[in-house]
Amino acid sequence: MSRRSESATCPCPIPGASELVLPEGMAATSEPSLNAFVEALGYRLDPWQRAINRYALAKRDDGLWAARNVDMSVPRQTGKTFDVGFVPFHRCIRNPGFTAIWTTHHFSVTQDTFQTLRDIALMDEMEPFVDPDHGIHSAAGKEAIYFRNGSRIAFKARENGAIRGFKKVGLLVLDEAQHLTDSALASVLPTQNRADNPQTWYMGTPPGPDQQGAVFARHRANALAHRSKRSLYVEYSAQRGCDPLDRDQWMRANPSYPSHTSDESILNLYEQLAADDFRRECLGIWDDVAFHSAIDPDQWTAGLTDARSERPGHWTAIGVDMPPDRGSLAIGACRAWDEGPAHIELVKFKDTRHHGTQWAVDWIAQRWPRMAAVVIDAQSPATVLVPDLRRMGVQVTLTGPTDMGRAVGRFQDMLRDRRLAHIAQAPLDEAVAGCSTRPIGASGAMGWNKLGSDVDISPLVAVTLALHGAMTSLRRPGQSRRMIRLP
C-alpha cells in the first residue's frame, strides 16, 4: 500500500484499494452533499465509491480542491462511471453557469456515456433543475444536458480539436485515460485556465502496448513517487502473477464483484480476451515497466567535465526554449569541432514572470554575429521572440517535428558514445533527471517529455536545439579565431 497523506480528515482508507495516494491539505469534503443528492434520486453508492468521493471532493482551508487532479485506475465493469456520473450533475446544480465536459477517446463510448447520464437527467426528480427549453441535446457530436441555472454538461470525443472552443470548464472528466495522448491533453487542459477552482478527473485501465498511454502512465508514476501534492491516485488491481481465475483476485481487482458484477460476466471476458488484455482490462494489472528518465544517469555523469573546452577551431550555436506555462526561458549553447565531439551548456535561465523576455532578445542579438545558428522549435512558446529577433537581424532557424526527432536521437547517440560533454548545472541536471520521451509522428522518432508536472525540461530542450544547430548549420563565423566565451 502506498503511503497516505497524514492530513486526511477521515482515517478510513478506500476499501480494497491496491494503491492509494492522497493529496495534502484536506480540511473538509463535500461528499456528504453529493451522497444526499444521489440518495434523493433513489440510488445508493457502495462504500468504496463513497470513499473515493470523500477524498476526491475534499477541500483545503482556502476552499480550493485538495485534489486538483483525480486519477482512477480501475478495471472494467466496476461501476466507476455510475459513481463519477453523479459528480457533474451535482456540480452543475450547485454552481450557476457551470460547465462540465465528459470526454472519451471513442465516439461510440461518448454516446454510451451520454445515454447513461441522459437517463438520470430524464428522471422526475431532475425536472426542477433541467432546462425545459434547451433540455437535452441528442444530436451526434452535440450531446449535452442543459440546466435552468445556465450550467451544462457537454459530451465530446477527443478528436479533431472538438473541445478547443470551450472555456471556463470547471470539471473535466477524461474517460478512457489509457488512450489519452499529450497532444489531446494539450488541446483540452487550456479550457480550464479561466475557470474558478477547476478539477480534472482521469479514469481508465492500464494501457496496453498498442495504446498511447504515456499521459496516464506518467500520472501513475508521479503519484507512486509522491511527486504531486495536489493529486489523488486510486488503483484497484490484482496481484502480479496471480491465477487469472482466482476469485479472491477478482474481488481484489473489482470492488463490485460479486455484489454487482457476476462470475458469468468476468468469465465471458476471460474467454474472449487475450491473456494480457484480460490482465490489464479486468484485473487492473499494469505492465511491469520501470518509469525513469529517458537519459541514462551513468551516461550523463560520464559526460561531465570540469570546465568548457578552449580548443581552437570550434563554432557555437544557440537553442532557446520556454515551457508551456511560459514561466521561464532557457538559452542553451553548443560548441562543436570538425572531428565530431560537442560541448553543451545552459548559458541563461531566467524566470519570465520577473524578468520578462526582452533581455533574451538583446542578449542573443548581441552575440548573433559570432553564432553558427539560433534555433527555436516551431511548437515552442519561445517563438514569441522570433519577430523581435528577426527585426534585429538574427536569422532564426525554426525546427519541425522531424528536426526535433533527429535532434533528440543525435543527443542520445552522442551521449552514449561519449562524444557529448557538459558541466554541472542544477537546472539542466534536474531537467535530464525528470525527462521521458514521447513519440513524434508515425516514423518512430521521439521527442523529450517530462515525467512530472513540476518538472521544467526547457533547459534540456534548449541545449538539444543548440546541438542540432551546431551539427546542421553551415555558417562558421570567426572559426579561424578564438571564440569569445559566453558569459
Protein backbone atom coordinates (compact mmCIF):
# COMPACT_ATOMS: atom_id res chain seq x y z
CA MET A 1 0.00 0.00 0.00
CA SER A 2 1.31 3.42 -0.88
CA ARG A 3 2.00 6.00 1.81
CA ARG A 4 -1.08 8.02 2.65
CA SER A 5 -1.21 11.71 3.44
CA GLU A 6 -1.27 12.38 7.18
CA SER A 7 -3.56 15.34 6.59
CA ALA A 8 -6.56 13.19 5.66
CA THR A 9 -9.70 14.22 7.52
CA CYS A 10 -11.08 10.68 7.57
CA PRO A 11 -8.97 7.83 8.97
CA CYS A 12 -10.65 5.11 6.90
CA PRO A 13 -8.93 4.19 3.62
CA ILE A 14 -10.71 3.48 0.38
CA PRO A 15 -11.92 -0.11 0.84
CA GLY A 16 -9.82 -2.63 -1.07
CA ALA A 17 -7.69 -0.11 -3.00
CA SER A 18 -4.36 -1.61 -4.06
CA GLU A 19 -2.70 1.79 -4.34
CA LEU A 20 -3.84 4.99 -2.69
CA VAL A 21 -2.04 8.32 -2.66
CA LEU A 22 -3.88 11.25 -1.10
CA PRO A 23 -3.47 14.97 -1.68
CA GLU A 24 -2.21 17.22 1.07
CA GLY A 25 -4.18 19.84 2.97
CA MET A 26 -7.60 18.17 3.15
CA ALA A 27 -9.74 20.09 5.62
CA ALA A 28 -13.35 19.29 4.66
CA THR A 29 -15.27 17.40 2.00
CA SER A 30 -18.49 17.94 0.03
CA GLU A 31 -19.04 14.17 -0.33
CA PRO A 32 -22.00 14.13 2.13
CA SER A 33 -23.78 16.67 -0.07
CA LEU A 34 -23.12 14.58 -3.18
CA ASN A 35 -24.31 11.43 -1.43
CA ALA A 36 -27.50 13.14 -0.27
CA PHE A 37 -28.15 14.15 -3.88
CA VAL A 38 -27.60 10.56 -5.09
CA GLU A 39 -29.94 9.13 -2.46
CA ALA A 40 -32.60 11.73 -3.26
CA LEU A 41 -32.62 10.30 -6.79
CA GLY A 42 -33.24 6.82 -5.35
CA TYR A 43 -29.71 5.44 -5.87
CA ARG A 44 -27.17 4.15 -3.40
CA LEU A 45 -23.40 4.17 -3.76
CA ASP A 46 -21.18 1.41 -2.41
CA PRO A 47 -18.74 2.15 0.44
CA TRP A 48 -15.73 2.13 -1.91
CA GLN A 49 -17.41 4.65 -4.20
CA ARG A 50 -18.29 6.95 -1.31
CA ALA A 51 -14.73 6.69 -0.01
CA ILE A 52 -13.26 7.76 -3.36
CA ASN A 53 -15.69 10.68 -3.46
CA ARG A 54 -14.76 11.66 0.09
CA TYR A 55 -11.16 12.26 -0.92
CA ALA A 56 -11.82 13.48 -4.47
CA LEU A 57 -14.20 16.15 -3.16
CA ALA A 58 -12.00 17.21 -0.24
CA LYS A 59 -11.19 20.90 0.02
CA ARG A 60 -8.39 22.84 1.62
CA ASP A 61 -8.84 25.63 4.15
CA ASP A 62 -8.81 28.16 1.32
CA GLY A 63 -11.78 26.44 -0.35
CA LEU A 64 -9.82 25.02 -3.30
CA TRP A 65 -9.95 21.35 -4.19
CA ALA A 66 -7.23 19.46 -2.35
CA ALA A 67 -7.08 17.14 -5.36
CA ARG A 68 -6.72 19.37 -8.42
CA ASN A 69 -6.38 16.11 -10.35
CA VAL A 70 -8.13 12.81 -9.60
CA ASP A 71 -6.60 9.68 -11.16
CA MET A 72 -8.50 6.38 -11.09
CA SER A 73 -7.06 3.16 -12.48
CA VAL A 74 -9.99 0.81 -12.11
CA PRO A 75 -10.86 -2.33 -14.16
CA ARG A 76 -13.91 -2.54 -16.37
CA GLN A 77 -17.37 -3.44 -15.08
CA THR A 78 -16.86 -1.96 -11.64
CA GLY A 79 -19.29 0.95 -11.67
CA LYS A 80 -16.82 3.86 -11.83
CA THR A 81 -18.90 5.62 -14.50
CA PHE A 82 -22.03 5.15 -12.40
CA ASP A 83 -20.27 6.77 -9.45
CA VAL A 84 -18.46 9.63 -11.20
CA GLY A 85 -21.50 10.33 -13.38
CA PHE A 86 -23.30 11.99 -10.47
CA VAL A 87 -20.45 14.46 -9.90
CA PRO A 88 -21.10 16.76 -12.92
CA PHE A 89 -24.83 16.85 -12.10
CA HIS A 90 -24.13 17.83 -8.52
CA ARG A 91 -21.53 20.40 -9.56
CA CYS A 92 -23.79 21.97 -12.22
CA ILE A 93 -26.82 22.22 -9.96
CA ARG A 94 -24.88 23.85 -7.14
CA ASN A 95 -22.96 26.32 -9.33
CA PRO A 96 -24.95 28.50 -11.77
CA GLY A 97 -23.30 28.94 -15.15
CA PHE A 98 -21.00 25.96 -14.57
CA THR A 99 -19.54 23.99 -17.49
CA ALA A 100 -18.58 20.31 -17.21
CA ILE A 101 -17.19 18.23 -20.05
CA TRP A 102 -17.08 14.45 -20.22
CA THR A 103 -14.62 13.26 -22.85
CA THR A 104 -13.75 9.82 -24.20
CA HIS A 105 -11.38 8.52 -26.85
CA HIS A 106 -14.00 6.76 -28.95
CA PHE A 107 -17.17 8.45 -30.20
CA SER A 108 -19.22 5.29 -29.51
CA VAL A 109 -18.21 5.40 -25.84
CA THR A 110 -19.14 9.08 -25.70
CA GLN A 111 -22.63 8.21 -26.92
CA ASP A 112 -22.98 5.33 -24.45
CA THR A 113 -21.97 7.56 -21.54
CA PHE A 114 -24.33 10.30 -22.69
CA GLN A 115 -27.23 7.87 -22.86
CA THR A 116 -26.47 6.64 -19.35
CA LEU A 117 -26.39 10.13 -17.88
CA ARG A 118 -29.33 11.26 -20.01
CA ASP A 119 -31.47 8.70 -18.17
CA ILE A 120 -30.62 10.49 -14.93
CA ALA A 121 -31.50 13.86 -16.44
CA LEU A 122 -34.91 12.50 -17.53
CA MET A 123 -35.90 11.44 -14.00
CA ASP A 124 -38.85 13.27 -12.44
CA GLU A 125 -36.59 14.36 -9.57
CA MET A 126 -34.43 16.27 -12.05
CA GLU A 127 -37.32 18.27 -13.55
CA PRO A 128 -36.73 21.31 -11.27
CA PHE A 129 -33.12 21.52 -12.49
CA VAL A 130 -33.06 20.59 -16.18
CA ASP A 131 -33.75 23.44 -18.60
CA PRO A 132 -37.26 22.93 -20.05
CA ASP A 133 -36.42 24.79 -23.28
CA HIS A 134 -32.94 23.56 -24.18
CA GLY A 135 -33.17 20.39 -22.08
CA ILE A 136 -31.21 17.55 -23.61
CA HIS A 137 -29.40 17.69 -26.95
CA SER A 138 -29.02 14.26 -28.52
CA ALA A 139 -27.65 15.18 -31.94
CA ALA A 140 -24.49 13.26 -32.78
CA GLY A 141 -21.43 15.25 -31.81
CA LYS A 142 -23.51 17.84 -29.92
CA GLU A 143 -24.69 15.74 -26.99
CA ALA A 144 -25.31 17.92 -23.94
CA ILE A 145 -27.51 18.41 -20.90
CA TYR A 146 -28.57 21.98 -20.04
CA PHE A 147 -29.79 23.25 -16.68
CA ARG A 148 -32.15 26.03 -15.68
CA ASN A 149 -29.35 27.93 -13.91
CA GLY A 150 -27.23 28.20 -17.07
CA SER A 151 -24.98 25.22 -16.33
CA ARG A 152 -24.30 22.44 -18.81
CA ILE A 153 -22.67 19.05 -19.25
CA ALA A 154 -21.17 18.50 -22.69
CA PHE A 155 -20.08 15.13 -24.05
CA LYS A 156 -17.21 15.08 -26.54
CA ALA A 157 -14.86 12.60 -28.15
CA ARG A 158 -11.22 13.71 -28.10
CA GLU A 159 -10.76 14.10 -31.83
CA ASN A 160 -10.13 16.90 -34.29
CA GLY A 161 -9.86 19.50 -31.52
CA ALA A 162 -13.58 19.21 -30.72
CA ILE A 163 -13.09 20.72 -27.23
CA ARG A 164 -10.92 23.70 -28.15
CA GLY A 165 -13.87 26.09 -28.39
CA PHE A 166 -14.89 25.67 -24.74
CA LYS A 167 -13.73 27.99 -21.98
CA LYS A 168 -14.02 28.19 -18.20
CA VAL A 169 -14.52 24.42 -17.89
CA GLY A 170 -14.86 23.79 -14.17
CA LEU A 171 -14.96 19.99 -14.35
CA LEU A 172 -13.18 17.93 -16.98
CA VAL A 173 -13.68 14.16 -16.94
CA LEU A 174 -11.15 12.35 -19.14
CA ASP A 175 -12.60 8.88 -19.54
CA GLU A 176 -10.61 6.12 -21.30
CA ALA A 177 -7.47 7.77 -19.95
CA GLN A 178 -5.40 4.82 -21.20
CA HIS A 179 -5.81 6.31 -24.70
CA LEU A 180 -5.04 9.90 -23.70
CA THR A 181 -2.16 11.45 -25.65
CA ASP A 182 -0.09 14.51 -24.81
CA SER A 183 -1.44 16.30 -27.88
CA ALA A 184 -5.04 15.62 -26.83
CA LEU A 185 -4.27 16.76 -23.30
CA ALA A 186 -2.70 19.96 -24.62
CA SER A 187 -5.91 20.74 -26.51
CA VAL A 188 -8.29 20.20 -23.58
CA LEU A 189 -6.50 21.44 -20.45
CA PRO A 190 -6.37 25.10 -21.56
CA THR A 191 -10.18 25.14 -21.49
CA GLN A 192 -9.87 25.25 -17.68
CA ASN A 193 -7.44 28.18 -17.48
CA ARG A 194 -10.07 30.79 -16.60
CA ALA A 195 -12.34 28.56 -14.53
CA ASP A 196 -12.83 29.17 -10.83
CA ASN A 197 -11.33 26.27 -8.85
CA PRO A 198 -11.34 23.71 -11.72
CA GLN A 199 -10.84 19.97 -11.30
CA THR A 200 -9.81 17.23 -13.72
CA TRP A 201 -10.67 13.53 -13.38
CA TYR A 202 -8.71 10.84 -15.24
CA MET A 203 -10.37 7.41 -15.43
CA GLY A 204 -9.08 4.35 -17.20
CA THR A 205 -7.46 0.93 -17.18
CA PRO A 206 -3.75 0.11 -17.57
CA PRO A 207 -2.69 0.99 -21.15
CA GLY A 208 -1.58 -1.77 -23.50
CA PRO A 209 1.47 -1.68 -25.77
CA ASP A 210 -0.65 -0.58 -28.74
CA GLN A 211 -2.14 2.37 -26.85
CA GLN A 212 -0.55 5.79 -26.47
CA GLY A 213 -0.98 5.75 -22.71
CA ALA A 214 2.02 7.91 -21.82
CA VAL A 215 -0.11 10.52 -20.00
CA PHE A 216 -1.90 8.02 -17.76
CA ALA A 217 1.33 6.10 -17.11
CA ARG A 218 3.10 9.33 -16.21
CA HIS A 219 0.34 10.27 -13.77
CA ARG A 220 0.66 6.89 -12.09
CA ALA A 221 4.45 7.13 -11.90
CA ASN A 222 4.25 10.62 -10.41
CA ALA A 223 1.68 9.52 -7.85
CA LEU A 224 3.59 6.47 -6.68
CA ALA A 225 6.76 8.58 -6.43
CA HIS A 226 4.79 11.23 -4.47
CA ARG A 227 5.80 14.00 -6.87
CA SER A 228 2.48 15.82 -6.71
CA LYS A 229 0.85 17.25 -3.60
CA ARG A 230 -2.46 18.12 -5.27
CA SER A 231 -3.46 14.79 -6.79
CA LEU A 232 -5.50 11.81 -5.67
CA TYR A 233 -4.47 8.46 -7.10
CA VAL A 234 -6.62 5.35 -6.63
CA GLU A 235 -5.83 1.97 -8.14
CA TYR A 236 -7.66 -1.35 -7.94
CA SER A 237 -5.63 -4.31 -9.20
CA ALA A 238 -5.00 -7.99 -8.60
CA GLN A 239 -1.56 -9.20 -7.60
CA ARG A 240 1.00 -9.51 -10.38
CA GLY A 241 1.46 -13.13 -11.47
CA CYS A 242 -1.77 -14.33 -9.88
CA ASP A 243 -4.02 -17.08 -11.20
CA PRO A 244 -6.40 -15.20 -13.55
CA LEU A 245 -9.29 -17.41 -12.40
CA ASP A 246 -8.71 -16.86 -8.69
CA ARG A 247 -11.96 -15.37 -7.35
CA ASP A 248 -10.14 -13.71 -4.46
CA GLN A 249 -8.07 -11.83 -7.01
CA TRP A 250 -11.21 -10.85 -8.87
CA MET A 251 -12.54 -9.39 -5.64
CA ARG A 252 -9.26 -7.55 -5.08
CA ALA A 253 -9.35 -6.01 -8.57
CA ASN A 254 -13.09 -5.41 -8.87
CA PRO A 255 -14.79 -3.87 -5.81
CA SER A 256 -18.20 -4.52 -7.38
CA TYR A 257 -17.61 -8.30 -7.50
CA PRO A 258 -19.61 -10.33 -6.66
CA SER A 259 -22.39 -8.00 -5.47
CA HIS A 260 -22.89 -6.21 -8.82
CA THR A 261 -20.58 -7.95 -11.28
CA SER A 262 -21.26 -11.67 -11.75
CA ASP A 263 -18.97 -14.64 -12.32
CA GLU A 264 -20.52 -15.06 -15.74
CA SER A 265 -19.57 -11.53 -16.82
CA ILE A 266 -15.93 -11.87 -15.85
CA LEU A 267 -15.66 -15.42 -17.21
CA ASN A 268 -17.03 -14.24 -20.53
CA LEU A 269 -14.29 -11.61 -20.72
CA TYR A 270 -11.68 -14.19 -19.74
CA GLU A 271 -12.79 -16.44 -22.59
CA GLN A 272 -12.99 -13.66 -25.17
CA LEU A 273 -9.94 -11.53 -24.39
CA ALA A 274 -6.27 -12.30 -24.90
CA ALA A 275 -4.49 -13.15 -21.65
CA ASP A 276 -2.61 -9.83 -21.46
CA ASP A 277 -5.74 -7.84 -22.26
CA PHE A 278 -7.68 -9.66 -19.53
CA ARG A 279 -4.85 -8.96 -17.08
CA ARG A 280 -4.99 -5.24 -17.82
CA GLU A 281 -8.69 -4.66 -18.50
CA CYS A 282 -10.25 -6.94 -15.89
CA LEU A 283 -7.55 -7.46 -13.27
CA GLY A 284 -6.15 -3.93 -13.44
CA ILE A 285 -2.52 -5.11 -13.52
CA TRP A 286 -0.10 -2.66 -15.10
CA ASP A 287 2.68 -3.85 -17.34
CA ASP A 288 5.90 -4.32 -15.41
CA VAL A 289 7.64 -1.22 -16.76
CA ALA A 290 10.08 0.93 -14.85
CA PHE A 291 9.38 4.61 -15.28
CA HIS A 292 12.61 6.57 -15.22
CA SER A 293 14.44 9.29 -17.05
CA ALA A 294 14.95 8.73 -20.76
CA ILE A 295 18.61 9.69 -20.25
CA ASP A 296 20.81 7.11 -18.54
CA PRO A 297 22.22 8.83 -15.41
CA ASP A 298 25.51 6.94 -15.77
CA GLN A 299 25.91 8.18 -19.34
CA TRP A 300 25.06 11.72 -18.24
CA THR A 301 27.64 11.55 -15.45
CA ALA A 302 30.24 10.15 -17.84
CA GLY A 303 29.88 13.28 -19.99
CA LEU A 304 30.58 15.61 -17.07
CA THR A 305 33.59 17.86 -17.38
CA ASP A 306 35.06 20.45 -15.00
CA ALA A 307 35.17 23.34 -17.46
CA ARG A 308 34.47 24.45 -21.02
CA SER A 309 36.88 23.18 -23.62
CA GLU A 310 39.00 26.01 -25.02
CA ARG A 311 40.40 24.12 -28.01
CA PRO A 312 40.50 26.27 -31.16
CA GLY A 313 38.63 25.54 -34.36
CA HIS A 314 35.15 25.33 -32.90
CA TRP A 315 31.87 27.07 -33.64
CA THR A 316 28.89 27.80 -31.39
CA ALA A 317 25.13 27.55 -31.82
CA ILE A 318 22.31 28.69 -29.55
CA GLY A 319 18.99 26.99 -28.72
CA VAL A 320 16.05 28.70 -26.99
CA ASP A 321 13.02 27.18 -25.27
CA MET A 322 10.15 28.03 -22.92
CA PRO A 323 7.85 25.60 -21.06
CA PRO A 324 4.12 25.61 -21.88
CA ASP A 325 3.32 27.84 -18.88
CA ARG A 326 5.81 30.46 -20.16
CA GLY A 327 7.19 30.78 -16.65
CA SER A 328 10.85 30.55 -17.61
CA LEU A 329 13.16 30.97 -20.58
CA ALA A 330 16.22 28.83 -21.24
CA ILE A 331 19.09 29.54 -23.61
CA GLY A 332 21.44 26.68 -24.35
CA ALA A 333 24.72 26.75 -26.25
CA CYS A 334 26.68 24.07 -28.06
CA ARG A 335 30.30 24.20 -29.17
CA ALA A 336 31.27 21.75 -31.89
CA TRP A 337 34.51 20.75 -33.65
CA ASP A 338 35.27 19.27 -37.05
CA GLU A 339 36.41 15.99 -35.53
CA GLY A 340 32.97 15.37 -34.08
CA PRO A 341 32.68 15.98 -30.30
CA ALA A 342 30.50 18.71 -28.84
CA HIS A 343 30.07 20.58 -25.55
CA ILE A 344 26.60 21.68 -24.40
CA GLU A 345 25.81 24.19 -21.71
CA LEU A 346 22.90 26.13 -20.23
CA VAL A 347 24.06 29.74 -20.57
CA LYS A 348 20.94 31.61 -19.45
CA PHE A 349 17.89 30.51 -17.47
CA LYS A 350 15.51 33.14 -16.05
CA ASP A 351 12.02 33.45 -14.58
CA THR A 352 10.00 35.36 -17.19
CA ARG A 353 7.44 36.47 -14.61
CA HIS A 354 10.09 38.66 -13.01
CA HIS A 355 12.48 39.35 -15.90
CA GLY A 356 10.25 39.23 -18.99
CA THR A 357 11.76 38.20 -22.33
CA GLN A 358 13.31 41.33 -23.86
CA TRP A 359 16.61 40.59 -22.14
CA ALA A 360 16.84 37.36 -24.18
CA VAL A 361 16.29 39.20 -27.46
CA ASP A 362 19.02 41.71 -26.62
CA TRP A 363 21.43 39.03 -25.39
CA ILE A 364 21.01 36.83 -28.48
CA ALA A 365 21.15 39.74 -30.95
CA GLN A 366 24.41 40.96 -29.43
CA ARG A 367 26.04 37.55 -29.96
CA TRP A 368 24.44 36.62 -33.28
CA PRO A 369 27.41 37.78 -35.44
CA ARG A 370 29.55 35.14 -33.75
CA MET A 371 26.98 32.33 -33.80
CA ALA A 372 26.59 29.45 -36.24
CA ALA A 373 22.83 29.23 -35.60
CA VAL A 374 19.99 30.34 -33.34
CA VAL A 375 17.39 27.54 -33.12
CA ILE A 376 13.83 27.59 -31.73
CA ASP A 377 11.29 24.81 -32.11
CA ALA A 378 8.25 25.95 -34.10
CA GLN A 379 5.88 24.50 -31.46
CA SER A 380 7.61 26.20 -28.52
CA PRO A 381 6.18 29.27 -26.75
CA ALA A 382 9.68 30.71 -27.30
CA THR A 383 8.59 31.55 -30.86
CA VAL A 384 7.24 34.76 -29.32
CA LEU A 385 10.85 36.01 -29.58
CA VAL A 386 11.17 35.34 -33.31
CA PRO A 387 9.69 38.60 -34.72
CA ASP A 388 11.89 40.78 -32.48
CA LEU A 389 14.97 38.70 -33.18
CA ARG A 390 14.44 38.92 -36.93
CA ARG A 391 13.92 42.69 -36.73
CA MET A 392 17.34 42.86 -35.09
CA GLY A 393 18.92 40.90 -37.92
CA VAL A 394 19.09 37.47 -36.28
CA GLN A 395 18.48 34.55 -38.65
CA VAL A 396 16.33 32.21 -36.55
CA THR A 397 16.09 28.55 -37.53
CA LEU A 398 12.67 27.08 -36.72
CA THR A 399 12.57 23.31 -36.30
CA GLY A 400 9.67 20.99 -37.06
CA PRO A 401 8.75 17.56 -35.65
CA THR A 402 11.21 15.73 -37.91
CA ASP A 403 14.04 18.02 -36.84
CA MET A 404 13.23 17.53 -33.16
CA GLY A 405 13.14 13.77 -33.54
CA ARG A 406 16.56 13.84 -35.18
CA ALA A 407 17.92 16.24 -32.57
CA VAL A 408 16.84 14.03 -29.67
CA GLY A 409 18.21 10.95 -31.40
CA ARG A 410 21.55 12.68 -32.05
CA PHE A 411 21.70 13.83 -28.41
CA GLN A 412 21.17 10.27 -27.12
CA ASP A 413 23.61 8.74 -29.61
CA MET A 414 26.39 11.21 -28.87
CA LEU A 415 25.90 10.92 -25.12
CA ARG A 416 26.04 7.12 -25.34
CA ASP A 417 29.19 7.29 -27.46
CA ARG A 418 30.81 9.78 -25.04
CA ARG A 419 31.06 12.48 -27.67
CA LEU A 420 28.87 14.96 -25.76
CA ALA A 421 30.31 16.86 -22.80
CA HIS A 422 28.69 19.21 -20.28
CA ILE A 423 29.40 20.94 -16.99
CA ALA A 424 27.43 20.53 -13.74
CA GLN A 425 24.39 22.85 -13.76
CA ALA A 426 21.45 22.24 -11.44
CA PRO A 427 18.59 23.30 -13.81
CA LEU A 428 19.97 21.18 -16.63
CA ASP A 429 20.70 18.21 -14.36
CA GLU A 430 17.14 18.38 -12.97
CA ALA A 431 15.68 18.51 -16.47
CA VAL A 432 17.72 15.47 -17.50
CA ALA A 433 16.60 13.53 -14.41
CA GLY A 434 12.96 14.45 -14.97
CA CYS A 435 12.57 13.77 -18.67
CA SER A 436 10.92 10.97 -20.56
CA THR A 437 10.28 10.63 -24.28
CA ARG A 438 7.16 10.89 -26.43
CA PRO A 439 6.52 9.60 -29.94
CA ILE A 440 6.64 12.11 -32.80
CA GLY A 441 4.57 11.09 -35.80
CA ALA A 442 4.48 7.54 -37.11
CA SER A 443 8.16 7.19 -38.04
CA GLY A 444 9.32 6.07 -34.61
CA ALA A 445 11.06 9.37 -33.82
CA MET A 446 10.98 10.55 -30.21
CA GLY A 447 10.90 13.94 -28.53
CA TRP A 448 11.58 14.98 -24.95
CA ASN A 449 8.72 14.90 -22.47
CA LYS A 450 8.55 15.49 -18.73
CA LEU A 451 7.98 12.87 -16.05
CA GLY A 452 6.27 15.20 -13.60
CA SER A 453 4.03 18.25 -13.77
CA ASP A 454 6.54 20.21 -11.68
CA VAL A 455 9.50 19.42 -13.96
CA ASP A 456 10.82 22.11 -16.31
CA ILE A 457 12.65 20.44 -19.18
CA SER A 458 13.21 23.64 -21.16
CA PRO A 459 16.95 23.67 -20.26
CA LEU A 460 17.31 20.21 -21.84
CA VAL A 461 15.29 21.22 -24.91
CA ALA A 462 17.39 24.37 -25.30
CA VAL A 463 20.74 22.54 -25.32
CA THR A 464 19.30 19.86 -27.61
CA LEU A 465 18.28 22.54 -30.11
CA ALA A 466 21.71 24.13 -29.77
CA LEU A 467 23.32 20.77 -30.53
CA HIS A 468 21.07 20.40 -33.57
CA GLY A 469 22.04 23.86 -34.80
CA ALA A 470 25.75 23.25 -34.31
CA MET A 471 25.61 19.96 -36.20
CA THR A 472 23.44 21.07 -39.12
CA SER A 473 24.35 24.72 -39.79
CA LEU A 474 26.96 25.53 -42.43
CA ARG A 475 27.55 29.00 -41.01
CA ARG A 476 31.05 29.35 -39.49
CA PRO A 477 31.64 32.97 -38.43
CA GLY A 478 35.09 33.59 -36.93
CA GLN A 479 36.08 29.94 -36.98
CA SER A 480 39.69 30.90 -37.56
CA ARG A 481 39.93 32.92 -34.34
CA ARG A 482 39.38 32.07 -30.71
CA MET A 483 35.70 32.03 -29.74
CA ILE A 484 34.70 34.59 -27.14
CA ARG A 485 33.44 32.81 -24.06
CA LEU A 486 29.71 33.08 -23.43
CA PRO A 487 29.20 34.72 -20.03
